[in-house]
Amino acid sequence: MLVNAFTGEFEGAIAFGGPVRYLSKAEALNVVASALRTDPKDLKDASAILVFQPSEITNVRALPFWRVTVKGRTFFVDQNGKLYDRLSLGRPGN
């Protein structure tokens, strides 16, 4: 169930076929560090925030993604650990 954290209102319910494991902040930073070919310790000043916006990454509120900003560059990491360098809106109907 999805509940609005500010108002307490019901927002929706989603069923999964099995347990869902969410990517941790440290794991998302590791994905970005690997792409940048640097040690994750070098990303200590990076900002990593779990967000949701309907896009090609996901249209499911229960599967948010990480927005990681490093020295002015923004990356997105989905719950499967896939890296995106931009946020593209999904096509209508997706």
C-alpha atoms as a PDB file:
ATOM      1  CA  MET A   1       0.000   0.000   0.000  1.00  0.00           C
ATOM      2  CA  LEU A   2       1.152   3.501  -0.734  1.00  0.00           C
ATOM      3  CA  VAL A   3       0.220   6.157   1.796  1.00  0.00           C
ATOM      4  CA  ASN A   4       0.997   9.870   1.455  1.00  0.00           C
ATOM      5  CA  ALA A   5       3.558  10.600   4.182  1.00  0.00           C
ATOM      6  CA  PHE A   6       2.309  14.175   4.580  1.00  0.00           C
ATOM      7  CA  THR A   7      -1.467  13.700   4.599  1.00  0.00           C
ATOM      8  CA  GLY A   8      -1.888  10.023   5.489  1.00  0.00           C
ATOM      9  CA  GLU A   9      -4.155   9.574   2.470  1.00  0.00           C
ATOM     10  CA  PHE A  10      -4.264   6.308   0.566  1.00  0.00           C
ATOM     11  CA  GLU A  11      -2.525   6.601  -2.817  1.00  0.00           C
ATOM     12  CA  GLY A  12      -2.625   3.084  -4.171  1.00  0.00           C
ATOM     13  CA  ALA A  13      -1.805  -0.572  -3.758  1.00  0.00           C
ATOM     14  CA  ILE A  14       0.569  -2.731  -5.744  1.00  0.00           C
ATOM     15  CA  ALA A  15       1.096  -6.485  -5.640  1.00  0.00           C
ATOM     16  CA  PHE A  16       4.405  -8.123  -6.440  1.00  0.00           C
ATOM     17  CA  GLY A  17       4.955 -11.779  -7.287  1.00  0.00           C
ATOM     18  CA  GLY A  18       7.484 -12.129  -4.472  1.00  0.00           C
ATOM     19  CA  PRO A  19       9.586 -10.185  -2.022  1.00  0.00           C
ATOM     20  CA  VAL A  20      11.052  -6.936  -3.338  1.00  0.00           C
ATOM     21  CA  ARG A  21      14.560  -5.877  -2.389  1.00  0.00           C
ATOM     22  CA  TYR A  22      15.309  -2.178  -2.671  1.00  0.00           C
ATOM     23  CA  LEU A  23      18.726  -0.864  -3.646  1.00  0.00           C
ATOM     24  CA  SER A  24      20.426   0.916  -0.756  1.00  0.00           C
ATOM     25  CA  LYS A  25      21.986   4.367  -0.984  1.00  0.00           C
ATOM     26  CA  ALA A  26      25.464   2.812  -0.691  1.00  0.00           C
ATOM     27  CA  GLU A  27      24.683   0.420  -3.562  1.00  0.00           C
ATOM     28  CA  ALA A  28      23.447   3.283  -5.750  1.00  0.00           C
ATOM     29  CA  LEU A  29      26.634   5.235  -5.012  1.00  0.00           C
ATOM     30  CA  ASN A  30      28.677   2.144  -5.917  1.00  0.00           C
ATOM     31  CA  VAL A  31      26.942   1.973  -9.313  1.00  0.00           C
ATOM     32  CA  VAL A  32      27.779   5.620 -10.007  1.00  0.00           C
ATOM     33  CA  ALA A  33      31.354   5.230  -8.740  1.00  0.00           C
ATOM     34  CA  SER A  34      31.853   2.261 -11.040  1.00  0.00           C
ATOM     35  CA  ALA A  35      30.567   4.248 -14.032  1.00  0.00           C
ATOM     36  CA  LEU A  36      32.908   7.118 -13.154  1.00  0.00           C
ATOM     37  CA  ARG A  37      35.754   4.647 -12.585  1.00  0.00           C
ATOM     38  CA  THR A  38      36.425   5.953  -9.120  1.00  0.00           C
ATOM     39  CA  ASP A  39      36.380   4.626  -5.592  1.00  0.00           C
ATOM     40  CA  PRO A  40      32.994   4.998  -3.841  1.00  0.00           C
ATOM     41  CA  LYS A  41      34.858   6.778  -1.019  1.00  0.00           C
ATOM     42  CA  ASP A  42      35.535   9.593  -3.509  1.00  0.00           C
ATOM     43  CA  LEU A  43      31.784  10.270  -3.644  1.00  0.00           C
ATOM     44  CA  LYS A  44      31.493  11.330  -0.005  1.00  0.00           C
ATOM     45  CA  ASP A  45      30.168  14.751  -1.079  1.00  0.00           C
ATOM     46  CA  ALA A  46      27.637  13.269  -3.511  1.00  0.00           C
ATOM     47  CA  SER A  47      23.939  13.788  -2.944  1.00  0.00           C
ATOM     48  CA  ALA A  48      21.769  10.665  -3.254  1.00  0.00           C
ATOM     49  CA  ILE A  49      17.998  10.957  -2.923  1.00  0.00           C
ATOM     50  CA  LEU A  50      15.336   8.332  -3.515  1.00  0.00           C
ATOM     51  CA  VAL A  51      12.742   9.824  -5.893  1.00  0.00           C
ATOM     52  CA  PHE A  52       9.841   8.904  -8.130  1.00  0.00           C
ATOM     53  CA  GLN A  53       8.806  10.524 -11.362  1.00  0.00           C
ATOM     54  CA  PRO A  54       6.964   8.722 -14.135  1.00  0.00           C
ATOM     55  CA  SER A  55       9.638   8.123 -16.757  1.00  0.00           C
ATOM     56  CA  GLU A  56      11.306   5.479 -18.861  1.00  0.00           C
ATOM     57  CA  ILE A  57      12.990   4.279 -15.657  1.00  0.00           C
ATOM     58  CA  THR A  58       9.716   3.422 -13.930  1.00  0.00           C
ATOM     59  CA  ASN A  59       6.032   4.234 -13.904  1.00  0.00           C
ATOM     60  CA  VAL A  60       5.462   2.369 -10.633  1.00  0.00           C
ATOM     61  CA  ARG A  61       5.447   4.483  -7.463  1.00  0.00           C
ATOM     62  CA  ALA A  62       6.509   1.477  -5.405  1.00  0.00           C
ATOM     63  CA  LEU A  63       9.760   1.307  -7.411  1.00  0.00           C
ATOM     64  CA  PRO A  64      11.418   4.686  -6.941  1.00  0.00           C
ATOM     65  CA  PHE A  65      14.935   5.339  -8.193  1.00  0.00           C
ATOM     66  CA  TRP A  66      18.012   7.082  -6.858  1.00  0.00           C
ATOM     67  CA  ARG A  67      18.984  10.560  -8.093  1.00  0.00           C
ATOM     68  CA  VAL A  68      22.711  10.926  -7.469  1.00  0.00           C
ATOM     69  CA  THR A  69      24.431  14.268  -7.985  1.00  0.00           C
ATOM     70  CA  VAL A  70      28.225  14.356  -8.124  1.00  0.00           C
ATOM     71  CA  LYS A  71      30.073  17.635  -8.760  1.00  0.00           C
ATOM     72  CA  GLY A  72      27.148  19.096 -10.692  1.00  0.00           C
ATOM     73  CA  ARG A  73      26.451  15.936 -12.729  1.00  0.00           C
ATOM     74  CA  THR A  74      23.243  14.022 -12.111  1.00  0.00           C
ATOM     75  CA  PHE A  75      22.777  10.298 -12.555  1.00  0.00           C
ATOM     76  CA  PHE A  76      19.809   8.021 -11.946  1.00  0.00           C
ATOM     77  CA  VAL A  77      19.994   4.448 -10.661  1.00  0.00           C
ATOM     78  CA  ASP A  78      16.979   2.138 -10.773  1.00  0.00           C
ATOM     79  CA  GLN A  79      16.195  -0.627  -8.290  1.00  0.00           C
ATOM     80  CA  ASN A  80      17.992  -3.149 -10.514  1.00  0.00           C
ATOM     81  CA  GLY A  81      21.212  -1.122 -10.389  1.00  0.00           C
ATOM     82  CA  LYS A  82      20.957   0.174 -13.948  1.00  0.00           C
ATOM     83  CA  LEU A  83      22.514   3.605 -14.478  1.00  0.00           C
ATOM     84  CA  TYR A  84      20.893   6.425 -16.491  1.00  0.00           C
ATOM     85  CA  ASP A  85      22.530   9.739 -17.311  1.00  0.00           C
ATOM     86  CA  ARG A  86      19.250  11.530 -17.994  1.00  0.00           C
ATOM     87  CA  LEU A  87      15.623  11.293 -17.038  1.00  0.00           C
ATOM     88  CA  SER A  88      13.446  10.792 -20.096  1.00  0.00           C
ATOM     89  CA  LEU A  89       9.702  10.931 -19.806  1.00  0.00           C
ATOM     90  CA  GLY A  90       8.050   7.717 -20.882  1.00  0.00           C
ATOM     91  CA  ARG A  91       5.999   7.562 -24.043  1.00  0.00           C
ATOM     92  CA  PRO A  92       2.232   7.937 -23.592  1.00  0.00           C
ATOM     93  CA  GLY A  93       0.661   4.566 -22.930  1.00  0.00           C
ATOM     94  CA  ASN A  94       3.774   3.113 -21.276  1.00  0.00           C
END
